[in-house]
PDB file of N, CA and C in Angstrom:
ATOM      1  N   UNK A   1       9.783   3.811 -15.302  1.00  0.00           N
ATOM      2  CA  UNK A   1       8.703   4.437 -14.758  1.00  0.00           C
ATOM      3  C   UNK A   1       9.074   4.518 -13.596  1.00  0.00           C
ATOM      4  N   UNK A   2       8.435   5.990 -13.434  1.00  0.00           N
ATOM      5  CA  UNK A   2       8.187   6.448 -11.801  1.00  0.00           C
ATOM      6  C   UNK A   2       6.850   7.000 -11.625  1.00  0.00           C
ATOM      7  N   UNK A   3       5.931   6.472 -11.367  1.00  0.00           N
ATOM      8  CA  UNK A   3       4.527   7.161 -11.499  1.00  0.00           C
ATOM      9  C   UNK A   3       4.482   8.443 -10.452  1.00  0.00           C
ATOM     10  N   UNK A   4       4.104   8.987 -10.139  1.00  0.00           N
ATOM     11  CA  UNK A   4       3.395  10.409  -9.082  1.00  0.00           C
ATOM     12  C   UNK A   4       2.780   9.552  -7.863  1.00  0.00           C
ATOM     13  N   UNK A   5       1.808   8.996  -8.509  1.00  0.00           N
ATOM     14  CA  UNK A   5       0.893   8.470  -7.462  1.00  0.00           C
ATOM     15  C   UNK A   5       0.818   6.754  -7.727  1.00  0.00           C
ATOM     16  N   UNK A   6       0.526   6.472  -6.279  1.00  0.00           N
ATOM     17  CA  UNK A   6       0.356   4.845  -6.642  1.00  0.00           C
ATOM     18  C   UNK A   6      -0.708   4.397  -5.576  1.00  0.00           C
ATOM     19  N   UNK A   7      -1.650   3.593  -5.837  1.00  0.00           N
ATOM     20  CA  UNK A   7      -2.888   2.827  -5.041  1.00  0.00           C
ATOM     21  C   UNK A   7      -2.655   1.432  -5.420  1.00  0.00           C
ATOM     22  N   UNK A   8      -2.035   1.015  -3.965  1.00  0.00           N
ATOM     23  CA  UNK A   8      -1.407  -0.658  -3.851  1.00  0.00           C
ATOM     24  C   UNK A   8      -2.367  -1.331  -3.151  1.00  0.00           C
ATOM     25  N   UNK A   9      -2.895  -2.365  -3.471  1.00  0.00           N
ATOM     26  CA  UNK A   9      -3.688  -3.376  -3.027  1.00  0.00           C
ATOM     27  C   UNK A   9      -3.326  -4.587  -2.600  1.00  0.00           C
ATOM     28  N   UNK A  10      -3.491  -4.817  -1.334  1.00  0.00           N
ATOM     29  CA  UNK A  10      -2.914  -6.047  -0.626  1.00  0.00           C
ATOM     30  C   UNK A  10      -3.335  -6.716   0.223  1.00  0.00           C
ATOM     31  N   UNK A  11      -3.400  -8.399  -0.103  1.00  0.00           N
ATOM     32  CA  UNK A  11      -4.264  -9.299   0.839  1.00  0.00           C
ATOM     33  C   UNK A  11      -3.419  -9.705   1.977  1.00  0.00           C
ATOM     34  N   UNK A  12      -2.239  -9.518   1.677  1.00  0.00           N
ATOM     35  CA  UNK A  12      -1.390 -10.004   2.862  1.00  0.00           C
ATOM     36  C   UNK A  12      -0.472  -9.352   3.656  1.00  0.00           C
ATOM     37  N   UNK A  13      -0.288  -8.867   4.907  1.00  0.00           N
ATOM     38  CA  UNK A  13       0.406  -7.868   5.627  1.00  0.00           C
ATOM     39  C   UNK A  13       1.961  -8.116   5.836  1.00  0.00           C
ATOM     40  N   UNK A  14       2.331  -9.160   5.274  1.00  0.00           N
ATOM     41  CA  UNK A  14       3.798  -8.937   5.396  1.00  0.00           C
ATOM     42  C   UNK A  14       4.096  -8.538   3.806  1.00  0.00           C
ATOM     43  N   UNK A  15       3.620  -8.940   2.737  1.00  0.00           N
ATOM     44  CA  UNK A  15       4.286  -8.393   1.303  1.00  0.00           C
ATOM     45  C   UNK A  15       3.820  -6.908   1.673  1.00  0.00           C
ATOM     46  N   UNK A  16       2.907  -6.387   2.001  1.00  0.00           N
ATOM     47  CA  UNK A  16       2.480  -5.184   2.445  1.00  0.00           C
ATOM     48  C   UNK A  16       3.559  -4.281   2.658  1.00  0.00           C
ATOM     49  N   UNK A  17       3.938  -4.761   4.154  1.00  0.00           N
ATOM     50  CA  UNK A  17       4.976  -4.156   4.692  1.00  0.00           C
ATOM     51  C   UNK A  17       6.403  -4.203   3.808  1.00  0.00           C
ATOM     52  N   UNK A  18       6.727  -5.620   3.137  1.00  0.00           N
ATOM     53  CA  UNK A  18       7.829  -5.526   2.268  1.00  0.00           C
ATOM     54  C   UNK A  18       7.988  -4.638   1.315  1.00  0.00           C
ATOM     55  N   UNK A  19       6.656  -4.724   0.450  1.00  0.00           N
ATOM     56  CA  UNK A  19       6.146  -3.377  -0.827  1.00  0.00           C
ATOM     57  C   UNK A  19       6.823  -1.976  -0.127  1.00  0.00           C
ATOM     58  N   UNK A  20       6.002  -1.475   0.860  1.00  0.00           N
ATOM     59  CA  UNK A  20       6.338  -0.165   1.284  1.00  0.00           C
ATOM     60  C   UNK A  20       7.451  -0.105   1.774  1.00  0.00           C
ATOM     61  N   UNK A  21       8.352  -0.740   2.560  1.00  0.00           N
ATOM     62  CA  UNK A  21       9.840  -0.651   2.671  1.00  0.00           C
ATOM     63  C   UNK A  21      10.179  -0.514   1.602  1.00  0.00           C
ATOM     64  N   UNK A  22      10.337  -1.116   0.263  1.00  0.00           N
ATOM     65  CA  UNK A  22      11.103  -0.685  -0.728  1.00  0.00           C
ATOM     66  C   UNK A  22      10.518   0.505  -1.353  1.00  0.00           C
ATOM     67  N   UNK A  23       9.422   0.622  -1.510  1.00  0.00           N
ATOM     68  CA  UNK A  23       8.322   1.716  -1.885  1.00  0.00           C
ATOM     69  C   UNK A  23       9.366   3.272  -1.401  1.00  0.00           C
ATOM     70  N   UNK A  24       9.424   3.115  -0.408  1.00  0.00           N
ATOM     71  CA  UNK A  24       9.900   4.148   0.818  1.00  0.00           C
ATOM     72  C   UNK A  24      11.402   4.645   0.294  1.00  0.00           C
ATOM     73  N   UNK A  25      12.072   3.361   0.134  1.00  0.00           N
ATOM     74  CA  UNK A  25      13.474   3.836  -0.222  1.00  0.00           C
ATOM     75  C   UNK A  25      13.455   4.060  -1.717  1.00  0.00           C
ATOM     76  N   UNK A  26      12.410   4.004  -2.684  1.00  0.00           N
ATOM     77  CA  UNK A  26      12.931   4.864  -3.628  1.00  0.00           C
ATOM     78  C   UNK A  26      12.122   6.252  -3.901  1.00  0.00           C
ATOM     79  N   UNK A  27      11.962   6.260  -2.588  1.00  0.00           N
ATOM     80  CA  UNK A  27      11.641   7.661  -2.339  1.00  0.00           C
ATOM     81  C   UNK A  27      10.035   7.990  -2.299  1.00  0.00           C
ATOM     82  N   UNK A  28       9.375   6.873  -2.141  1.00  0.00           N
ATOM     83  CA  UNK A  28       7.869   7.149  -2.345  1.00  0.00           C
ATOM     84  C   UNK A  28       7.476   7.494  -0.475  1.00  0.00           C
ATOM     85  N   UNK A  29       6.306   8.109   0.012  1.00  0.00           N
ATOM     86  CA  UNK A  29       5.818   7.981   1.077  1.00  0.00           C
ATOM     87  C   UNK A  29       4.136   7.525   1.128  1.00  0.00           C
ATOM     88  N   UNK A  30       4.052   7.116   2.442  1.00  0.00           N
ATOM     89  CA  UNK A  30       2.779   6.050   2.554  1.00  0.00           C
ATOM     90  C   UNK A  30       1.534   7.066   2.936  1.00  0.00           C
ATOM     91  N   UNK A  31       0.403   7.418   2.598  1.00  0.00           N
ATOM     92  CA  UNK A  31      -0.289   8.939   3.005  1.00  0.00           C
ATOM     93  C   UNK A  31      -1.531   8.148   3.681  1.00  0.00           C
ATOM     94  N   UNK A  32      -1.900   7.057   3.346  1.00  0.00           N
ATOM     95  CA  UNK A  32      -3.312   6.441   3.801  1.00  0.00           C
ATOM     96  C   UNK A  32      -3.180   4.667   3.527  1.00  0.00           C
ATOM     97  N   UNK A  33      -3.833   4.160   4.356  1.00  0.00           N
ATOM     98  CA  UNK A  33      -4.251   3.039   4.389  1.00  0.00           C
ATOM     99  C   UNK A  33      -5.473   2.510   4.685  1.00  0.00           C
ATOM    100  N   UNK A  34      -6.252   1.784   4.078  1.00  0.00           N
ATOM    101  CA  UNK A  34      -7.678   1.718   4.418  1.00  0.00           C
ATOM    102  C   UNK A  34      -8.095   0.415   4.149  1.00  0.00           C
ATOM    103  N   UNK A  35      -8.341  -0.659   5.820  1.00  0.00           N
ATOM    104  CA  UNK A  35      -8.795  -1.783   5.331  1.00  0.00           C
ATOM    105  C   UNK A  35     -10.139  -1.970   4.678  1.00  0.00           C
ATOM    106  N   UNK A  36     -10.303  -3.206   3.682  1.00  0.00           N
ATOM    107  CA  UNK A  36     -11.633  -3.194   3.329  1.00  0.00           C
ATOM    108  C   UNK A  36     -12.111  -4.445   3.459  1.00  0.00           C
ATOM    109  N   UNK A  37     -12.973  -4.871   3.943  1.00  0.00           N
ATOM    110  CA  UNK A  37     -13.681  -6.080   4.024  1.00  0.00           C
ATOM    111  C   UNK A  37     -13.947  -6.752   2.357  1.00  0.00           C
ATOM    112  N   UNK A  38     -13.362  -7.972   2.088  1.00  0.00           N
ATOM    113  CA  UNK A  38     -13.894  -7.810   0.847  1.00  0.00           C
ATOM    114  C   UNK A  38     -14.605  -9.569   0.711  1.00  0.00           C
ATOM    115  N   UNK A  39     -13.754 -10.150   1.727  1.00  0.00           N
ATOM    116  CA  UNK A  39     -14.736 -11.491   1.792  1.00  0.00           C
ATOM    117  C   UNK A  39     -15.202 -11.674   3.327  1.00  0.00           C
ATOM    118  N   UNK A  40     -16.809 -11.094   3.133  1.00  0.00           N
ATOM    119  CA  UNK A  40     -17.168 -11.117   4.449  1.00  0.00           C
ATOM    120  C   UNK A  40     -17.391 -12.644   5.231  1.00  0.00           C
ATOM    121  N   UNK A  41     -17.622 -12.692   6.459  1.00  0.00           N
ATOM    122  CA  UNK A  41     -17.393 -13.748   7.199  1.00  0.00           C
ATOM    123  C   UNK A  41     -16.161 -14.460   7.230  1.00  0.00           C
ATOM    124  N   UNK A  42     -15.462 -14.163   6.635  1.00  0.00           N
ATOM    125  CA  UNK A  42     -13.951 -14.552   7.005  1.00  0.00           C
ATOM    126  C   UNK A  42     -12.998 -13.420   7.564  1.00  0.00           C
ATOM    127  N   UNK A  43     -11.866 -14.263   7.847  1.00  0.00           N
ATOM    128  CA  UNK A  43     -10.937 -13.103   8.740  1.00  0.00           C
ATOM    129  C   UNK A  43      -9.902 -12.518   7.501  1.00  0.00           C
ATOM    130  N   UNK A  44     -10.460 -12.630   6.452  1.00  0.00           N
ATOM    131  CA  UNK A  44      -9.228 -12.136   5.344  1.00  0.00           C
ATOM    132  C   UNK A  44      -9.774 -10.834   5.246  1.00  0.00           C
ATOM    133  N   UNK A  45      -8.978  -9.739   5.155  1.00  0.00           N
ATOM    134  CA  UNK A  45      -9.325  -8.066   4.710  1.00  0.00           C
ATOM    135  C   UNK A  45      -7.811  -7.676   3.910  1.00  0.00           C
ATOM    136  N   UNK A  46      -8.516  -6.967   2.585  1.00  0.00           N
ATOM    137  CA  UNK A  46      -7.780  -6.182   1.981  1.00  0.00           C
ATOM    138  C   UNK A  46      -7.061  -4.752   2.478  1.00  0.00           C
ATOM    139  N   UNK A  47      -5.950  -4.540   1.766  1.00  0.00           N
ATOM    140  CA  UNK A  47      -5.642  -3.188   2.407  1.00  0.00           C
ATOM    141  C   UNK A  47      -5.285  -2.524   0.999  1.00  0.00           C
ATOM    142  N   UNK A  48      -5.739  -1.163   0.745  1.00  0.00           N
ATOM    143  CA  UNK A  48      -5.890  -0.140   0.103  1.00  0.00           C
ATOM    144  C   UNK A  48      -4.729   1.030   0.705  1.00  0.00           C
ATOM    145  N   UNK A  49      -3.783   0.982   0.079  1.00  0.00           N
ATOM    146  CA  UNK A  49      -2.611   1.924   0.350  1.00  0.00           C
ATOM    147  C   UNK A  49      -2.888   2.973  -0.766  1.00  0.00           C
ATOM    148  N   UNK A  50      -2.417   4.464  -0.324  1.00  0.00           N
ATOM    149  CA  UNK A  50      -2.492   5.403  -1.362  1.00  0.00           C
ATOM    150  C   UNK A  50      -0.669   5.858  -0.828  1.00  0.00           C
ATOM    151  N   UNK A  51       0.016   6.029  -2.090  1.00  0.00           N
ATOM    152  CA  UNK A  51       1.211   6.834  -1.934  1.00  0.00           C
ATOM    153  C   UNK A  51       1.950   7.312  -3.076  1.00  0.00           C
ATOM    154  N   UNK A  52       2.536   8.184  -2.365  1.00  0.00           N
ATOM    155  CA  UNK A  52       3.017   9.291  -3.633  1.00  0.00           C
ATOM    156  C   UNK A  52       3.828   9.586  -3.616  1.00  0.00           C
ATOM    157  N   UNK A  53       5.463  10.236  -4.400  1.00  0.00           N
ATOM    158  CA  UNK A  53       6.911  10.331  -4.575  1.00  0.00           C
ATOM    159  C   UNK A  53       6.547  11.477  -3.716  1.00  0.00           C
ATOM    160  N   UNK A  54       7.811  11.344  -2.901  1.00  0.00           N
ATOM    161  CA  UNK A  54       8.343  12.545  -2.158  1.00  0.00           C
ATOM    162  C   UNK A  54       8.848  13.625  -2.958  1.00  0.00           C
ATOM    163  N   UNK A  55       8.724  14.925  -3.257  1.00  0.00           N
ATOM    164  CA  UNK A  55       9.109  15.826  -3.994  1.00  0.00           C
ATOM    165  C   UNK A  55      10.512  16.031  -3.206  1.00  0.00           C
ATOM    166  N   UNK A  56      11.505  16.514  -3.934  1.00  0.00           N
ATOM    167  CA  UNK A  56      12.646  16.624  -3.646  1.00  0.00           C
ATOM    168  C   UNK A  56      14.073  16.396  -4.266  1.00  0.00           C
TER     169      UNK A  56
END
């Protein structure tokens, strides 16, 4: 399975960085990262990331 587009939702920045590195090595490019405050009045933030396969 190698989808053209991926939307990745992550809570923990370290695993997001790890996953994006792996996806980059597999030929994907990060296009946009949007933090989302899903837990008001806490320090926790989700990151929604838009990723696409690089043509080539």
